[in-house]
Amino acid sequence: MSRRSQAFTLLQASEESPTLAGLMARARDSQARLQAITPLLPPALRAAVAAGPTEDGEWCLLVEGNAVAAKLRQMVPMLLARLRVQGWDAQSIRIKVRTRTGG
């Protein structure tokens, strides 16, 4: 018996899978949050910050380096205020330093 493989786009797959659809919605939400706070970030830091997951009211920002993390930790109250003004139920922001692998 031969089995034919059919290719699906990510959109098609997400429409068929509630789990994948939920994951994609969370990723879009996280990216939208990042877009909302980006104007508040110093221009030199913007490329070093990426959106991470949101869980139980806590949003994670992934950053490159301890210096960026330290600066963002100082900015957390302002970033939370921006998110709340724009309609998110933002309770806390966790800053996580990305580690480099390989090399």
N, C-alpha and C. Protein backbone atom coordinates (compact mmCIF):
# COMPACT_ATOMS: atom_id res chain seq x y z
N MET A 1 0.85 -1.16 0.00
CA MET A 1 0.00 0.00 0.00
C MET A 1 0.90 1.23 0.00
N SER A 2 0.64 2.14 -0.89
CA SER A 2 1.45 3.34 -0.97
C SER A 2 0.68 4.50 -0.37
N ARG A 3 1.41 5.36 0.31
CA ARG A 3 0.81 6.51 0.97
C ARG A 3 1.30 7.77 0.28
N ARG A 4 0.38 8.60 -0.16
CA ARG A 4 0.75 9.84 -0.83
C ARG A 4 0.87 10.94 0.20
N SER A 5 1.92 11.67 0.09
CA SER A 5 2.16 12.80 0.98
C SER A 5 1.64 14.06 0.30
N GLN A 6 0.89 14.82 1.05
CA GLN A 6 0.35 16.07 0.50
C GLN A 6 0.91 17.23 1.31
N ALA A 7 1.42 18.22 0.63
CA ALA A 7 1.98 19.40 1.30
C ALA A 7 0.87 20.35 1.71
N PHE A 8 1.05 20.94 2.89
CA PHE A 8 0.11 21.93 3.41
C PHE A 8 0.88 23.18 3.77
N THR A 9 0.24 24.32 3.63
CA THR A 9 0.84 25.55 4.12
C THR A 9 0.64 25.58 5.63
N LEU A 10 1.39 26.43 6.31
CA LEU A 10 1.23 26.57 7.74
C LEU A 10 -0.18 27.05 8.08
N LEU A 11 -0.72 27.93 7.27
CA LEU A 11 -2.07 28.42 7.50
C LEU A 11 -3.09 27.29 7.39
N GLN A 12 -2.96 26.45 6.38
CA GLN A 12 -3.87 25.32 6.23
C GLN A 12 -3.75 24.37 7.42
N ALA A 13 -2.54 24.09 7.83
CA ALA A 13 -2.34 23.19 8.96
C ALA A 13 -2.94 23.77 10.24
N SER A 14 -2.78 25.08 10.43
CA SER A 14 -3.31 25.69 11.65
C SER A 14 -4.83 25.68 11.67
N GLU A 15 -5.44 25.77 10.49
CA GLU A 15 -6.90 25.73 10.42
C GLU A 15 -7.43 24.34 10.77
N GLU A 16 -6.62 23.32 10.56
CA GLU A 16 -7.01 21.94 10.86
C GLU A 16 -6.67 21.53 12.29
N SER A 17 -5.82 22.27 12.96
CA SER A 17 -5.35 21.88 14.29
C SER A 17 -5.59 23.00 15.30
N PRO A 18 -6.50 22.80 16.23
CA PRO A 18 -6.73 23.83 17.25
C PRO A 18 -5.47 24.14 18.07
N THR A 19 -4.64 23.13 18.32
CA THR A 19 -3.42 23.35 19.08
C THR A 19 -2.47 24.27 18.31
N LEU A 20 -2.28 23.99 17.04
CA LEU A 20 -1.39 24.82 16.22
C LEU A 20 -1.97 26.22 16.04
N ALA A 21 -3.28 26.31 15.89
CA ALA A 21 -3.91 27.62 15.76
C ALA A 21 -3.69 28.45 17.01
N GLY A 22 -3.79 27.82 18.17
CA GLY A 22 -3.55 28.53 19.43
C GLY A 22 -2.11 29.00 19.55
N LEU A 23 -1.19 28.15 19.14
CA LEU A 23 0.22 28.50 19.17
C LEU A 23 0.52 29.68 18.25
N MET A 24 -0.06 29.66 17.07
CA MET A 24 0.15 30.77 16.12
C MET A 24 -0.45 32.07 16.66
N ALA A 25 -1.61 31.98 17.32
CA ALA A 25 -2.24 33.17 17.89
C ALA A 25 -1.36 33.75 18.99
N ARG A 26 -0.75 32.90 19.81
CA ARG A 26 0.15 33.37 20.86
C ARG A 26 1.39 34.03 20.27
N ALA A 27 1.91 33.47 19.19
CA ALA A 27 3.08 34.07 18.53
C ALA A 27 2.74 35.44 17.95
N ARG A 28 1.56 35.55 17.32
CA ARG A 28 1.14 36.85 16.78
C ARG A 28 0.95 37.88 17.90
N ASP A 29 0.37 37.45 19.02
CA ASP A 29 0.17 38.34 20.16
C ASP A 29 1.51 38.85 20.70
N SER A 30 2.46 37.94 20.81
CA SER A 30 3.78 38.32 21.32
C SER A 30 4.46 39.32 20.39
N GLN A 31 4.36 39.09 19.09
CA GLN A 31 4.95 40.03 18.12
C GLN A 31 4.25 41.39 18.18
N ALA A 32 2.94 41.39 18.36
CA ALA A 32 2.20 42.65 18.46
C ALA A 32 2.62 43.43 19.71
N ARG A 33 2.85 42.71 20.80
CA ARG A 33 3.34 43.38 22.02
C ARG A 33 4.71 44.03 21.77
N LEU A 34 5.57 43.30 21.09
CA LEU A 34 6.90 43.85 20.79
C LEU A 34 6.78 45.10 19.93
N GLN A 35 5.90 45.07 18.94
CA GLN A 35 5.69 46.25 18.10
C GLN A 35 5.18 47.43 18.92
N ALA A 36 4.37 47.14 19.93
CA ALA A 36 3.81 48.21 20.77
C ALA A 36 4.88 48.89 21.61
N ILE A 37 5.87 48.13 22.08
CA ILE A 37 6.88 48.73 22.95
C ILE A 37 8.12 49.22 22.21
N THR A 38 8.30 48.79 20.98
CA THR A 38 9.52 49.13 20.23
C THR A 38 9.80 50.63 20.20
N PRO A 39 8.80 51.50 20.01
CA PRO A 39 9.12 52.94 20.00
C PRO A 39 9.72 53.45 21.32
N LEU A 40 9.50 52.73 22.41
CA LEU A 40 10.05 53.14 23.70
C LEU A 40 11.49 52.69 23.90
N LEU A 41 11.93 51.73 23.11
CA LEU A 41 13.28 51.20 23.26
C LEU A 41 14.30 52.13 22.60
N PRO A 42 15.46 52.29 23.23
CA PRO A 42 16.51 53.06 22.57
C PRO A 42 16.86 52.40 21.23
N PRO A 43 17.02 53.18 20.18
CA PRO A 43 17.29 52.61 18.86
C PRO A 43 18.43 51.61 18.83
N ALA A 44 19.47 51.83 19.61
CA ALA A 44 20.61 50.92 19.61
C ALA A 44 20.28 49.54 20.19
N LEU A 45 19.20 49.45 20.96
CA LEU A 45 18.84 48.17 21.58
C LEU A 45 17.80 47.38 20.80
N ARG A 46 17.11 48.01 19.89
CA ARG A 46 15.98 47.37 19.22
C ARG A 46 16.33 46.05 18.55
N ALA A 47 17.46 45.98 17.90
CA ALA A 47 17.84 44.75 17.20
C ALA A 47 18.23 43.64 18.17
N ALA A 48 18.49 43.98 19.43
CA ALA A 48 18.92 42.99 20.42
C ALA A 48 17.77 42.44 21.25
N VAL A 49 16.54 42.80 20.90
CA VAL A 49 15.36 42.38 21.67
C VAL A 49 14.42 41.62 20.76
N ALA A 50 13.96 40.46 21.24
CA ALA A 50 13.00 39.65 20.48
C ALA A 50 11.84 39.26 21.39
N ALA A 51 10.70 39.04 20.77
CA ALA A 51 9.51 38.63 21.50
C ALA A 51 9.62 37.17 21.89
N GLY A 52 9.29 36.88 23.12
CA GLY A 52 9.25 35.51 23.61
C GLY A 52 7.82 35.13 23.96
N PRO A 53 7.65 34.02 24.65
CA PRO A 53 6.31 33.53 24.96
C PRO A 53 5.61 34.33 26.05
N THR A 54 4.30 34.19 26.09
CA THR A 54 3.47 34.77 27.14
C THR A 54 2.80 33.61 27.88
N GLU A 55 2.93 33.61 29.19
CA GLU A 55 2.30 32.57 30.00
C GLU A 55 1.78 33.16 31.29
N ASP A 56 0.53 32.91 31.58
CA ASP A 56 -0.09 33.33 32.85
C ASP A 56 0.15 34.80 33.16
N GLY A 57 -0.03 35.66 32.17
CA GLY A 57 0.12 37.10 32.38
C GLY A 57 1.55 37.60 32.36
N GLU A 58 2.52 36.71 32.19
CA GLU A 58 3.92 37.13 32.14
C GLU A 58 4.44 36.99 30.71
N TRP A 59 4.97 38.08 30.18
CA TRP A 59 5.52 38.09 28.83
C TRP A 59 7.03 38.05 28.94
N CYS A 60 7.66 37.28 28.10
CA CYS A 60 9.11 37.13 28.12
C CYS A 60 9.72 37.88 26.94
N LEU A 61 10.74 38.66 27.24
CA LEU A 61 11.54 39.30 26.20
C LEU A 61 12.89 38.60 26.15
N LEU A 62 13.32 38.20 24.98
CA LEU A 62 14.59 37.55 24.78
C LEU A 62 15.59 38.60 24.32
N VAL A 63 16.71 38.69 25.02
CA VAL A 63 17.67 39.75 24.72
C VAL A 63 19.06 39.17 24.51
N GLU A 64 19.87 39.94 23.81
CA GLU A 64 21.26 39.55 23.54
C GLU A 64 22.18 40.31 24.49
N GLY A 65 22.58 39.65 25.54
CA GLY A 65 23.57 40.23 26.43
C GLY A 65 23.02 40.79 27.72
N ASN A 66 23.89 40.77 28.72
CA ASN A 66 23.51 41.24 30.05
C ASN A 66 23.29 42.74 30.11
N ALA A 67 24.03 43.50 29.31
CA ALA A 67 23.86 44.96 29.31
C ALA A 67 22.46 45.34 28.82
N VAL A 68 22.00 44.67 27.78
CA VAL A 68 20.65 44.93 27.26
C VAL A 68 19.62 44.53 28.32
N ALA A 69 19.83 43.39 28.95
CA ALA A 69 18.90 42.93 29.99
C ALA A 69 18.82 43.94 31.13
N ALA A 70 19.96 44.46 31.56
CA ALA A 70 19.97 45.43 32.67
C ALA A 70 19.20 46.69 32.31
N LYS A 71 19.41 47.19 31.11
CA LYS A 71 18.69 48.39 30.68
C LYS A 71 17.19 48.14 30.60
N LEU A 72 16.79 47.00 30.03
CA LEU A 72 15.36 46.70 29.91
C LEU A 72 14.70 46.51 31.27
N ARG A 73 15.42 45.93 32.22
CA ARG A 73 14.85 45.75 33.56
C ARG A 73 14.49 47.10 34.17
N GLN A 74 15.29 48.13 33.88
CA GLN A 74 14.98 49.48 34.36
C GLN A 74 13.73 50.03 33.68
N MET A 75 13.46 49.57 32.46
CA MET A 75 12.35 50.11 31.67
C MET A 75 11.04 49.34 31.85
N VAL A 76 11.07 48.23 32.58
CA VAL A 76 9.88 47.37 32.69
C VAL A 76 8.62 48.13 33.11
N PRO A 77 8.65 48.99 34.14
CA PRO A 77 7.41 49.70 34.50
C PRO A 77 6.82 50.50 33.34
N MET A 78 7.67 51.17 32.58
CA MET A 78 7.21 51.96 31.44
C MET A 78 6.66 51.04 30.34
N LEU A 79 7.32 49.91 30.09
CA LEU A 79 6.86 48.98 29.06
C LEU A 79 5.51 48.37 29.44
N LEU A 80 5.34 48.00 30.72
CA LEU A 80 4.06 47.46 31.18
C LEU A 80 2.95 48.50 31.03
N ALA A 81 3.26 49.74 31.36
CA ALA A 81 2.25 50.80 31.23
C ALA A 81 1.81 50.94 29.78
N ARG A 82 2.76 50.89 28.83
CA ARG A 82 2.42 50.99 27.41
C ARG A 82 1.49 49.85 27.00
N LEU A 83 1.83 48.64 27.42
CA LEU A 83 1.01 47.47 27.05
C LEU A 83 -0.40 47.60 27.62
N ARG A 84 -0.51 48.05 28.85
CA ARG A 84 -1.84 48.19 29.48
C ARG A 84 -2.67 49.26 28.77
N VAL A 85 -2.03 50.37 28.42
CA VAL A 85 -2.74 51.44 27.72
C VAL A 85 -3.27 50.93 26.38
N GLN A 86 -2.52 50.03 25.76
CA GLN A 86 -2.94 49.51 24.45
C GLN A 86 -3.84 48.28 24.56
N GLY A 87 -4.27 47.93 25.79
CA GLY A 87 -5.30 46.91 25.94
C GLY A 87 -4.86 45.52 26.38
N TRP A 88 -3.58 45.31 26.62
CA TRP A 88 -3.15 44.00 27.09
C TRP A 88 -3.24 43.93 28.61
N ASP A 89 -3.56 42.76 29.12
CA ASP A 89 -3.55 42.51 30.55
C ASP A 89 -2.13 42.11 30.93
N ALA A 90 -1.25 43.08 30.94
CA ALA A 90 0.17 42.82 31.19
C ALA A 90 0.46 42.91 32.68
N GLN A 91 0.82 41.79 33.26
CA GLN A 91 1.10 41.75 34.69
C GLN A 91 2.59 41.84 34.98
N SER A 92 3.40 41.21 34.15
CA SER A 92 4.84 41.28 34.36
C SER A 92 5.58 40.97 33.06
N ILE A 93 6.82 41.39 33.03
CA ILE A 93 7.70 41.10 31.90
C ILE A 93 8.95 40.44 32.47
N ARG A 94 9.30 39.31 31.89
CA ARG A 94 10.52 38.60 32.28
C ARG A 94 11.56 38.85 31.18
N ILE A 95 12.76 39.15 31.58
CA ILE A 95 13.86 39.39 30.65
C ILE A 95 14.75 38.15 30.69
N LYS A 96 14.96 37.54 29.53
CA LYS A 96 15.81 36.36 29.47
C LYS A 96 16.94 36.61 28.48
N VAL A 97 18.17 36.41 28.93
CA VAL A 97 19.34 36.59 28.08
C VAL A 97 19.50 35.32 27.25
N ARG A 98 19.55 35.49 25.93
CA ARG A 98 19.78 34.36 25.03
C ARG A 98 21.23 33.93 25.13
N THR A 99 21.42 32.63 25.14
CA THR A 99 22.78 32.12 25.13
C THR A 99 23.14 31.72 23.72
N ARG A 100 24.38 31.94 23.38
CA ARG A 100 24.85 31.57 22.05
C ARG A 100 25.31 30.13 22.10
N THR A 101 24.94 29.38 21.05
CA THR A 101 25.36 27.99 20.99
C THR A 101 26.28 27.81 19.79
N GLY A 102 27.07 26.77 19.85
CA GLY A 102 27.97 26.48 18.74
C GLY A 102 29.17 27.39 18.74
N GLY A 103 29.96 27.26 17.68
CA GLY A 103 30.99 28.23 17.58
C GLY A 103 32.33 27.71 17.44
